[in-house]
Amino acid sequence: MKRSIICLAFALLMVCFSACDLQLPNDVLIKGNPEVKVALTIELDDIFDGVINSIRSGFNNNNDIDLITCNQTRVETLMLYTKLFDLEFDLSDSIDPEDFDLNPAFIEFLNELGVAGSPNYTPLNNKILGEDTIDIPLADFDDMLSGFSFNEAKILLYISGTGGLADLLTLELNNEDPVSIKNNKSFSDSNNAKLTTEPNSTRVYSGTQFPAGSVSKINLNSLSAGDINAHYKIYVKAGTSISLAELNENATIKVEAVIWLPLVLSSDPNSAPFELISSIMEGDDLFGRTSGSSDLNLTEFISSLNISLIFNSSPFQNATLYAESQSSGGDLISIPVPLNGNSITLNINEQILEEINDPKNIPFDPAIFLKFNSNGKLEIPRDFDLKITNLAFKAGLNYKISLSEGLQ
């Protein structure tokens, strides 16, 4: 490669001198900044698959959690659904506590309604239907993107029922102010027009925003991996005046929770790198060298080298790109690259070229990854189509040919 470049330049010089009948000099200095642009396509549309799959793996085997596909959101969004309670009571008869996995005090309360002996009943203390924590395991996500957190996650609770019993309930979520329940709809009834079921039984949500109709919505700000949890408490509040005439003998209570999880992630200073390309040349040398004995000595005739990658889009904010290569037994060569819109330029100076040219560092086959700054942001689009569309080399040449000695 070196010889072909130099010979071409030398041949042009010879033609020029011959045509002008000039005396040949003893030395010729070749300087300049030639640039080569290559149109190519390197598809990167699967770089987020590992992140998405690592999140899914936390609940794929959890029979209590359903994943609802969101097919119209701008960013990739996971919607997790779980049914906390789906109860049916016959208030005309005594209820056996063994028939329900509920707080015994609530069963006692229901039985008191049936023998109240007066048209109204007022509990003297809170009658707790349920109190627990909703957990979504995301440990595998932490392995993939340690130090990142979700910053647009929400948890929504739906409480509905028939017979008037559900209307007596009060909800507390994450110690927020209590919310009284009145004429609330279930998750399905609230979003009926946007919920469909595919032939393979997959549920699909076609809304672009989080679903409507919830009793309570809590923003789970700065939600780190493994920390998706929300504490709820559902009860009949002490002092509630209950008109027994408004209750039916057959009453139902349904409590549903939905986790709304857009993949909009923010970083902290200790965030792990995010890999874009594990090997840009798939094991080969970027400059076409086959071994350390190659005659291509870059530093003999190249004083600097710029390699530009042009992407068709950029979903990354406040991040630095790194190109790193380390051959077997070689040194780690690391080149930081500031992001500038859709264009990324690797500036390789003479010192780095000397490292690249060291036989022990051949092949030079860099991996490309991102390191996010504090408060960096990573958005994973739903329809992602990131690709490298152009590769450009620009070299700073500075080479002297000694005509008296000939080409080396």
Protein backbone atom coordinates (compact mmCIF):
# COMPACT_ATOMS: atom_id res chain seq x y z
CA MET A 1 0.00 0.00 0.00
CA LYS A 2 2.79 2.42 0.92
CA ARG A 3 4.68 1.66 -2.30
CA SER A 4 1.62 2.12 -4.50
CA ILE A 5 0.86 5.53 -2.99
CA ILE A 6 4.43 6.77 -3.27
CA CYS A 7 4.97 5.33 -6.77
CA LEU A 8 1.86 7.04 -8.06
CA ALA A 9 3.00 10.41 -6.70
CA PHE A 10 6.53 9.82 -8.02
CA ALA A 11 5.28 8.89 -11.50
CA LEU A 12 3.29 12.09 -11.72
CA LEU A 13 6.39 14.05 -10.76
CA MET A 14 8.49 12.31 -13.43
CA VAL A 15 5.95 13.16 -16.15
CA CYS A 16 5.95 16.78 -15.01
CA PHE A 17 9.75 17.08 -15.03
CA SER A 18 10.09 15.33 -18.38
CA ALA A 19 7.49 17.52 -20.04
CA CYS A 20 9.18 20.69 -18.79
CA ASP A 21 12.73 19.49 -19.46
CA LEU A 22 13.75 20.29 -15.90
CA GLN A 23 16.72 19.01 -13.94
CA LEU A 24 15.77 16.35 -11.44
CA PRO A 25 16.33 17.26 -7.77
CA ASN A 26 18.16 15.02 -5.36
CA ASP A 27 15.13 14.78 -3.03
CA VAL A 28 11.39 15.15 -3.44
CA LEU A 29 9.17 16.06 -0.46
CA ILE A 30 5.58 14.85 -0.73
CA LYS A 31 3.16 16.73 1.50
CA GLY A 32 -0.59 17.12 1.49
CA ASN A 33 -3.88 16.03 2.97
CA PRO A 34 -5.47 13.44 0.66
CA GLU A 35 -8.95 12.25 1.59
CA VAL A 36 -10.76 9.06 0.68
CA LYS A 37 -14.50 8.68 1.25
CA VAL A 38 -16.20 5.30 1.17
CA ALA A 39 -19.97 4.92 0.97
CA LEU A 40 -20.95 1.90 3.02
CA THR A 41 -23.68 0.66 5.29
CA ILE A 42 -23.01 -0.86 8.71
CA GLU A 43 -26.34 -1.73 10.31
CA LEU A 44 -26.56 -0.98 14.03
CA ASP A 45 -30.30 -1.44 14.49
CA ASP A 46 -29.76 -4.37 16.87
CA ILE A 47 -27.42 -2.63 19.33
CA PHE A 48 -30.25 -2.10 21.82
CA ASP A 49 -31.52 -5.68 21.65
CA GLY A 50 -29.36 -6.72 24.59
CA VAL A 51 -30.73 -3.90 26.76
CA ILE A 52 -34.35 -4.68 25.92
CA ASN A 53 -33.88 -8.43 26.35
CA SER A 54 -32.10 -7.95 29.69
CA ILE A 55 -35.09 -5.98 30.97
CA ARG A 56 -37.57 -8.54 29.68
CA SER A 57 -35.66 -11.38 31.31
CA GLY A 58 -36.52 -9.98 34.73
CA PHE A 59 -40.18 -10.92 34.38
CA ASN A 60 -40.45 -13.33 31.43
CA ASN A 61 -40.80 -16.23 33.84
CA ASN A 62 -43.06 -14.36 36.25
CA ASN A 63 -46.58 -15.72 35.80
CA ASP A 64 -48.03 -12.84 37.82
CA ILE A 65 -46.81 -10.17 35.38
CA ASP A 66 -48.00 -9.70 31.80
CA LEU A 67 -46.02 -7.72 29.25
CA ILE A 68 -48.23 -5.55 27.04
CA THR A 69 -46.62 -4.46 23.77
CA CYS A 70 -46.72 -0.72 23.01
CA ASN A 71 -46.75 -0.23 19.23
CA GLN A 72 -47.26 3.54 18.85
CA THR A 73 -44.92 5.17 21.36
CA ARG A 74 -41.99 7.30 20.21
CA VAL A 75 -39.46 5.45 22.39
CA GLU A 76 -39.39 1.76 23.20
CA THR A 77 -41.83 1.37 26.11
CA LEU A 78 -42.56 -1.63 28.27
CA MET A 79 -45.95 -1.85 29.97
CA LEU A 80 -46.16 -4.37 32.78
CA TYR A 81 -49.54 -5.47 34.07
CA THR A 82 -50.39 -7.38 37.22
CA LYS A 83 -53.66 -8.14 38.94
CA LEU A 84 -53.36 -7.70 42.71
CA PHE A 85 -56.91 -8.68 43.71
CA ASP A 86 -59.92 -10.11 41.89
CA LEU A 87 -62.47 -10.87 44.60
CA GLU A 88 -66.15 -11.79 44.76
CA PHE A 89 -68.13 -11.77 48.02
CA ASP A 90 -71.61 -12.89 49.05
CA LEU A 91 -72.53 -10.48 51.84
CA SER A 92 -75.79 -12.32 52.60
CA ASP A 93 -73.90 -15.18 54.21
CA SER A 94 -71.05 -15.55 56.67
CA ILE A 95 -67.66 -15.43 54.93
CA ASP A 96 -65.07 -18.03 55.91
CA PRO A 97 -61.57 -16.44 56.29
CA GLU A 98 -60.10 -19.70 54.94
CA ASP A 99 -61.70 -19.00 51.55
CA PHE A 100 -59.68 -15.83 50.96
CA ASP A 101 -56.00 -14.96 51.24
CA LEU A 102 -56.81 -11.62 52.83
CA ASN A 103 -56.24 -9.67 55.99
CA PRO A 104 -58.50 -11.39 58.59
CA ALA A 105 -59.60 -7.96 59.81
CA PHE A 106 -61.16 -7.24 56.42
CA ILE A 107 -63.08 -10.53 56.42
CA GLU A 108 -64.29 -9.66 59.92
CA PHE A 109 -65.39 -6.29 58.61
CA LEU A 110 -67.42 -7.91 55.80
CA ASN A 111 -69.14 -10.23 58.24
CA GLU A 112 -69.97 -7.26 60.47
CA LEU A 113 -71.77 -5.66 57.53
CA GLY A 114 -74.08 -8.66 57.30
CA VAL A 115 -75.12 -8.53 60.96
CA ALA A 116 -74.98 -4.78 61.51
CA GLY A 117 -78.56 -4.66 62.81
CA SER A 118 -79.01 -1.09 61.57
CA PRO A 119 -79.22 0.63 58.15
CA ASN A 120 -75.79 2.20 58.60
CA TYR A 121 -72.43 0.99 59.77
CA THR A 122 -69.28 2.94 60.70
CA PRO A 123 -65.96 1.13 61.30
CA LEU A 124 -64.01 2.40 64.29
CA ASN A 125 -60.60 1.71 62.74
CA ASN A 126 -59.12 1.16 59.31
CA LYS A 127 -60.13 -2.13 57.73
CA ILE A 128 -57.19 -3.09 55.54
CA LEU A 129 -57.96 -5.07 52.41
CA GLY A 130 -54.31 -5.40 51.44
CA GLU A 131 -50.88 -3.87 52.03
CA ASP A 132 -47.81 -4.97 50.12
CA THR A 133 -44.97 -3.93 47.81
CA ILE A 134 -45.00 -4.38 44.04
CA ASP A 135 -41.56 -5.48 42.83
CA ILE A 136 -40.26 -5.71 39.27
CA PRO A 137 -36.87 -7.49 39.13
CA LEU A 138 -34.33 -5.76 36.88
CA ALA A 139 -31.02 -7.19 38.05
CA ASP A 140 -30.06 -8.26 34.52
CA PHE A 141 -30.57 -4.70 33.32
CA ASP A 142 -28.08 -3.48 35.92
CA ASP A 143 -25.52 -5.87 34.46
CA MET A 144 -26.07 -4.33 31.02
CA LEU A 145 -26.23 -0.63 31.91
CA SER A 146 -24.93 -0.18 35.42
CA GLY A 147 -25.32 3.37 36.70
CA PHE A 148 -28.26 4.26 34.48
CA SER A 149 -31.75 5.00 35.75
CA PHE A 150 -35.21 5.34 34.27
CA ASN A 151 -36.51 8.88 34.53
CA GLU A 152 -39.97 8.63 32.99
CA ALA A 153 -41.30 5.51 34.72
CA LYS A 154 -44.73 5.53 36.36
CA ILE A 155 -46.90 3.15 38.34
CA LEU A 156 -50.67 3.30 37.93
CA LEU A 157 -53.28 1.58 40.10
CA TYR A 158 -56.85 0.76 39.07
CA ILE A 159 -59.57 -0.20 41.55
CA SER A 160 -63.01 -1.20 40.32
CA GLY A 161 -65.89 -3.39 41.35
CA THR A 162 -69.63 -3.93 41.59
CA GLY A 163 -72.10 -3.94 44.43
CA GLY A 164 -70.82 -0.72 46.01
CA LEU A 165 -68.05 -2.32 48.06
CA ALA A 166 -65.15 -0.98 45.95
CA ASP A 167 -66.49 2.57 46.34
CA LEU A 168 -65.79 2.38 50.08
CA LEU A 169 -62.06 1.89 49.61
CA THR A 170 -59.17 4.31 50.11
CA LEU A 171 -55.77 3.91 48.46
CA GLU A 172 -52.32 4.99 49.63
CA LEU A 173 -49.42 4.56 47.22
CA ASN A 174 -45.80 5.24 48.23
CA ASN A 175 -46.99 7.26 51.23
CA GLU A 176 -48.69 9.83 49.00
CA ASP A 177 -51.94 11.45 50.13
CA PRO A 178 -54.80 8.91 50.41
CA VAL A 179 -57.16 8.71 47.43
CA SER A 180 -60.84 7.79 47.83
CA ILE A 181 -62.36 5.47 45.26
CA LYS A 182 -65.62 6.37 43.51
CA ASN A 183 -67.05 5.00 40.26
CA ASN A 184 -63.65 3.95 38.97
CA LYS A 185 -63.19 1.76 35.91
CA SER A 186 -60.92 -1.20 35.41
CA PHE A 187 -57.77 -0.96 33.32
CA SER A 188 -59.44 -2.69 30.35
CA ASP A 189 -62.62 -0.58 30.52
CA SER A 190 -60.58 2.64 30.77
CA ASN A 191 -58.49 1.81 27.69
CA ASN A 192 -60.78 -0.45 25.70
CA ALA A 193 -60.27 1.38 22.40
CA LYS A 194 -56.48 1.10 22.64
CA LEU A 195 -56.18 -2.51 23.81
CA THR A 196 -56.22 -5.44 21.39
CA THR A 197 -55.18 -9.06 21.57
CA GLU A 198 -53.10 -10.66 18.81
CA PRO A 199 -53.76 -14.23 17.58
CA ASN A 200 -50.79 -15.40 19.65
CA SER A 201 -52.54 -13.96 22.77
CA THR A 202 -50.11 -11.02 23.00
CA ARG A 203 -51.85 -7.91 24.29
CA VAL A 204 -51.11 -4.69 22.41
CA TYR A 205 -51.55 -1.09 23.55
CA SER A 206 -51.85 1.45 20.72
CA GLY A 207 -51.73 4.65 22.80
CA THR A 208 -48.84 7.09 22.57
CA GLN A 209 -49.02 8.11 26.27
CA PHE A 210 -49.48 6.22 29.51
CA PRO A 211 -52.99 4.69 29.84
CA ALA A 212 -55.96 6.55 31.30
CA GLY A 213 -58.39 5.85 34.11
CA SER A 214 -56.10 5.00 37.02
CA VAL A 215 -57.06 5.84 40.59
CA SER A 216 -53.50 6.89 41.40
CA LYS A 217 -50.42 7.63 39.30
CA ILE A 218 -46.97 7.93 40.86
CA ASN A 219 -43.85 9.07 39.01
CA LEU A 220 -40.97 6.77 39.81
CA ASN A 221 -38.26 9.39 39.32
CA SER A 222 -34.59 8.37 39.00
CA LEU A 223 -35.50 4.73 39.15
CA SER A 224 -32.34 2.63 39.29
CA ALA A 225 -32.02 -0.95 38.17
CA GLY A 226 -33.47 -3.35 40.71
CA ASP A 227 -35.40 -0.55 42.43
CA ILE A 228 -38.78 -0.82 40.69
CA ASN A 229 -41.09 -1.13 43.64
CA ALA A 230 -44.11 0.65 45.01
CA HIS A 231 -45.80 0.19 48.36
CA TYR A 232 -49.58 0.22 48.39
CA LYS A 233 -52.20 0.10 51.10
CA ILE A 234 -55.92 -0.37 50.38
CA TYR A 235 -58.46 -0.07 53.16
CA VAL A 236 -61.85 1.12 54.35
CA LYS A 237 -61.10 4.23 56.33
CA ALA A 238 -62.14 4.49 59.98
CA GLY A 239 -65.22 6.69 60.40
CA THR A 240 -66.61 5.97 56.94
CA SER A 241 -70.43 6.03 57.10
CA ILE A 242 -71.66 3.02 55.14
CA SER A 243 -75.26 2.82 53.97
CA LEU A 244 -76.04 -0.88 53.85
CA ALA A 245 -78.95 -0.20 51.51
CA GLU A 246 -76.47 0.88 48.84
CA LEU A 247 -74.58 -2.41 49.00
CA ASN A 248 -75.58 -5.45 46.99
CA GLU A 249 -75.36 -8.91 48.41
CA ASN A 250 -73.00 -9.88 45.62
CA ALA A 251 -70.02 -7.53 45.53
CA THR A 252 -66.73 -7.62 43.62
CA ILE A 253 -63.37 -5.85 44.00
CA LYS A 254 -60.64 -5.79 41.37
CA VAL A 255 -57.26 -4.11 41.95
CA GLU A 256 -54.81 -3.83 39.02
CA ALA A 257 -51.36 -2.29 38.72
CA VAL A 258 -49.59 -1.08 35.57
CA ILE A 259 -45.91 -0.16 35.35
CA TRP A 260 -45.28 2.31 32.49
CA LEU A 261 -41.60 2.01 31.58
CA PRO A 262 -40.30 4.11 28.65
CA LEU A 263 -36.66 3.34 27.89
CA VAL A 264 -35.47 6.88 28.51
CA LEU A 265 -32.36 6.53 30.65
CA SER A 266 -30.16 9.03 32.44
CA SER A 267 -26.61 8.39 33.56
CA ASP A 268 -24.48 9.16 36.57
CA PRO A 269 -20.68 9.61 36.66
CA ASN A 270 -20.21 5.87 37.30
CA SER A 271 -22.35 4.67 34.40
CA ALA A 272 -21.02 1.69 32.49
CA PRO A 273 -19.92 2.10 28.85
CA PHE A 274 -22.46 1.32 26.15
CA GLU A 275 -21.02 -0.73 23.30
CA LEU A 276 -21.94 0.20 19.72
CA ILE A 277 -19.55 -2.03 17.74
CA SER A 278 -17.51 -4.82 19.31
CA SER A 279 -15.14 -5.03 16.31
CA ILE A 280 -15.27 -2.60 13.41
CA MET A 281 -13.19 -4.87 11.10
CA GLU A 282 -14.27 -8.22 12.61
CA GLY A 283 -10.73 -9.22 13.52
CA ASP A 284 -8.88 -7.75 10.55
CA ASP A 285 -6.57 -4.74 10.58
CA LEU A 286 -8.15 -1.37 9.77
CA PHE A 287 -5.22 -0.55 7.44
CA GLY A 288 -5.07 -3.88 5.66
CA ARG A 289 -1.93 -5.18 7.39
CA THR A 290 -1.72 -8.91 7.89
CA SER A 291 1.01 -9.14 10.52
CA GLY A 292 3.70 -7.26 12.34
CA SER A 293 6.10 -7.99 9.46
CA SER A 294 4.02 -5.94 7.01
CA ASP A 295 5.95 -3.31 5.03
CA LEU A 296 3.28 -0.71 5.72
CA ASN A 297 4.94 1.59 8.24
CA LEU A 298 2.34 4.28 8.75
CA THR A 299 4.61 6.70 10.57
CA GLU A 300 7.10 6.82 7.68
CA PHE A 301 4.81 8.86 5.49
CA ILE A 302 1.69 9.78 7.53
CA SER A 303 1.98 12.43 10.24
CA SER A 304 -1.69 12.40 11.22
CA LEU A 305 -4.88 10.59 10.30
CA ASN A 306 -8.55 11.50 10.68
CA ILE A 307 -11.19 8.79 10.35
CA SER A 308 -14.76 10.07 10.11
CA LEU A 309 -17.89 8.00 10.65
CA ILE A 310 -21.20 9.43 9.47
CA PHE A 311 -24.34 8.10 11.18
CA ASN A 312 -27.86 8.54 9.84
CA SER A 313 -29.10 9.67 13.28
CA SER A 314 -27.89 10.20 16.85
CA PRO A 315 -29.95 9.10 19.87
CA PHE A 316 -27.18 9.92 22.36
CA GLN A 317 -26.78 13.09 24.42
CA ASN A 318 -23.86 14.23 26.60
CA ALA A 319 -21.64 11.30 25.74
CA THR A 320 -18.08 10.67 24.56
CA LEU A 321 -17.31 7.98 22.04
CA TYR A 322 -14.21 5.83 22.41
CA ALA A 323 -12.39 3.72 19.85
CA GLU A 324 -10.28 1.08 21.60
CA SER A 325 -8.16 -1.74 20.26
CA GLN A 326 -5.94 -4.28 21.95
CA SER A 327 -4.45 -7.17 20.02
CA SER A 328 -3.33 -10.36 21.73
CA GLY A 329 -0.25 -9.41 23.73
CA GLY A 330 -0.45 -5.80 22.61
CA ASP A 331 -1.08 -2.49 24.36
CA LEU A 332 -4.47 -0.94 24.84
CA ILE A 333 -4.92 1.92 22.35
CA SER A 334 -7.74 4.25 23.37
CA ILE A 335 -8.93 7.23 21.31
CA PRO A 336 -11.61 9.51 22.83
CA VAL A 337 -13.98 11.16 20.35
CA PRO A 338 -16.36 14.00 21.24
CA LEU A 339 -19.80 13.55 19.69
CA ASN A 340 -20.78 16.20 17.18
CA GLY A 341 -24.28 15.61 15.86
CA ASN A 342 -24.34 12.69 13.43
CA SER A 343 -20.64 12.96 12.57
CA ILE A 344 -17.85 11.31 14.58
CA THR A 345 -14.18 11.99 13.81
CA LEU A 346 -11.26 10.01 15.21
CA ASN A 347 -8.21 12.27 15.30
CA ILE A 348 -5.12 10.06 15.28
CA ASN A 349 -1.90 11.98 15.88
CA GLU A 350 1.67 10.83 15.31
CA GLN A 351 2.04 9.38 18.82
CA ILE A 352 -1.02 7.22 18.41
CA LEU A 353 0.14 6.24 14.90
CA GLU A 354 3.40 5.00 16.38
CA GLU A 355 1.44 2.85 18.82
CA ILE A 356 -0.76 1.53 16.00
CA ASN A 357 2.34 0.78 13.91
CA ASP A 358 4.03 -1.21 16.66
CA PRO A 359 4.02 -4.84 15.42
CA LYS A 360 2.63 -6.12 18.72
CA ASN A 361 -0.47 -3.93 18.24
CA ILE A 362 -1.39 -5.40 14.86
CA PRO A 363 -4.19 -5.90 13.97
CA PHE A 364 -5.64 -2.52 14.89
CA ASP A 365 -9.35 -3.37 15.03
CA PRO A 366 -11.11 -0.91 17.33
CA ALA A 367 -14.30 -1.47 19.25
CA ILE A 368 -16.60 1.54 19.41
CA PHE A 369 -18.43 2.37 22.63
CA LEU A 370 -19.98 5.32 24.42
CA LYS A 371 -19.20 6.67 27.86
CA PHE A 372 -21.92 8.98 29.11
CA ASN A 373 -21.14 12.09 31.09
CA SER A 374 -22.99 12.97 34.29
CA ASN A 375 -26.62 13.71 33.38
CA GLY A 376 -26.14 12.08 29.99
CA LYS A 377 -29.25 10.75 28.30
CA LEU A 378 -29.94 7.62 26.31
CA GLU A 379 -33.26 7.25 24.51
CA ILE A 380 -34.03 3.94 22.83
CA PRO A 381 -36.40 4.64 19.91
CA ARG A 382 -39.17 2.14 19.20
CA ASP A 383 -38.35 2.05 15.48
CA PHE A 384 -34.57 2.22 15.60
CA ASP A 385 -32.58 2.45 12.39
CA LEU A 386 -29.04 3.54 13.27
CA LYS A 387 -26.37 2.81 10.70
CA ILE A 388 -22.97 4.06 9.56
CA THR A 389 -23.43 5.44 6.05
CA ASN A 390 -19.99 6.88 5.25
CA LEU A 391 -16.38 6.20 6.20
CA ALA A 392 -13.79 8.87 5.36
CA PHE A 393 -9.98 8.79 5.73
CA LYS A 394 -7.98 12.02 5.65
CA ALA A 395 -4.22 11.71 6.04
CA GLY A 396 -1.53 14.31 6.61
CA LEU A 397 1.36 13.21 4.34
CA ASN A 398 4.96 14.26 4.99
CA TYR A 399 7.38 12.01 3.12
CA LYS A 400 10.79 12.63 1.50
CA ILE A 401 11.95 10.54 -1.44
CA SER A 402 15.68 10.42 -2.03
CA LEU A 403 16.09 10.11 -5.81
CA SER A 404 19.78 9.34 -5.49
CA GLU A 405 19.05 6.30 -3.33
CA GLY A 406 15.78 5.26 -4.96
CA LEU A 407 12.63 4.10 -3.32
CA GLN A 408 13.04 2.29 -0.04
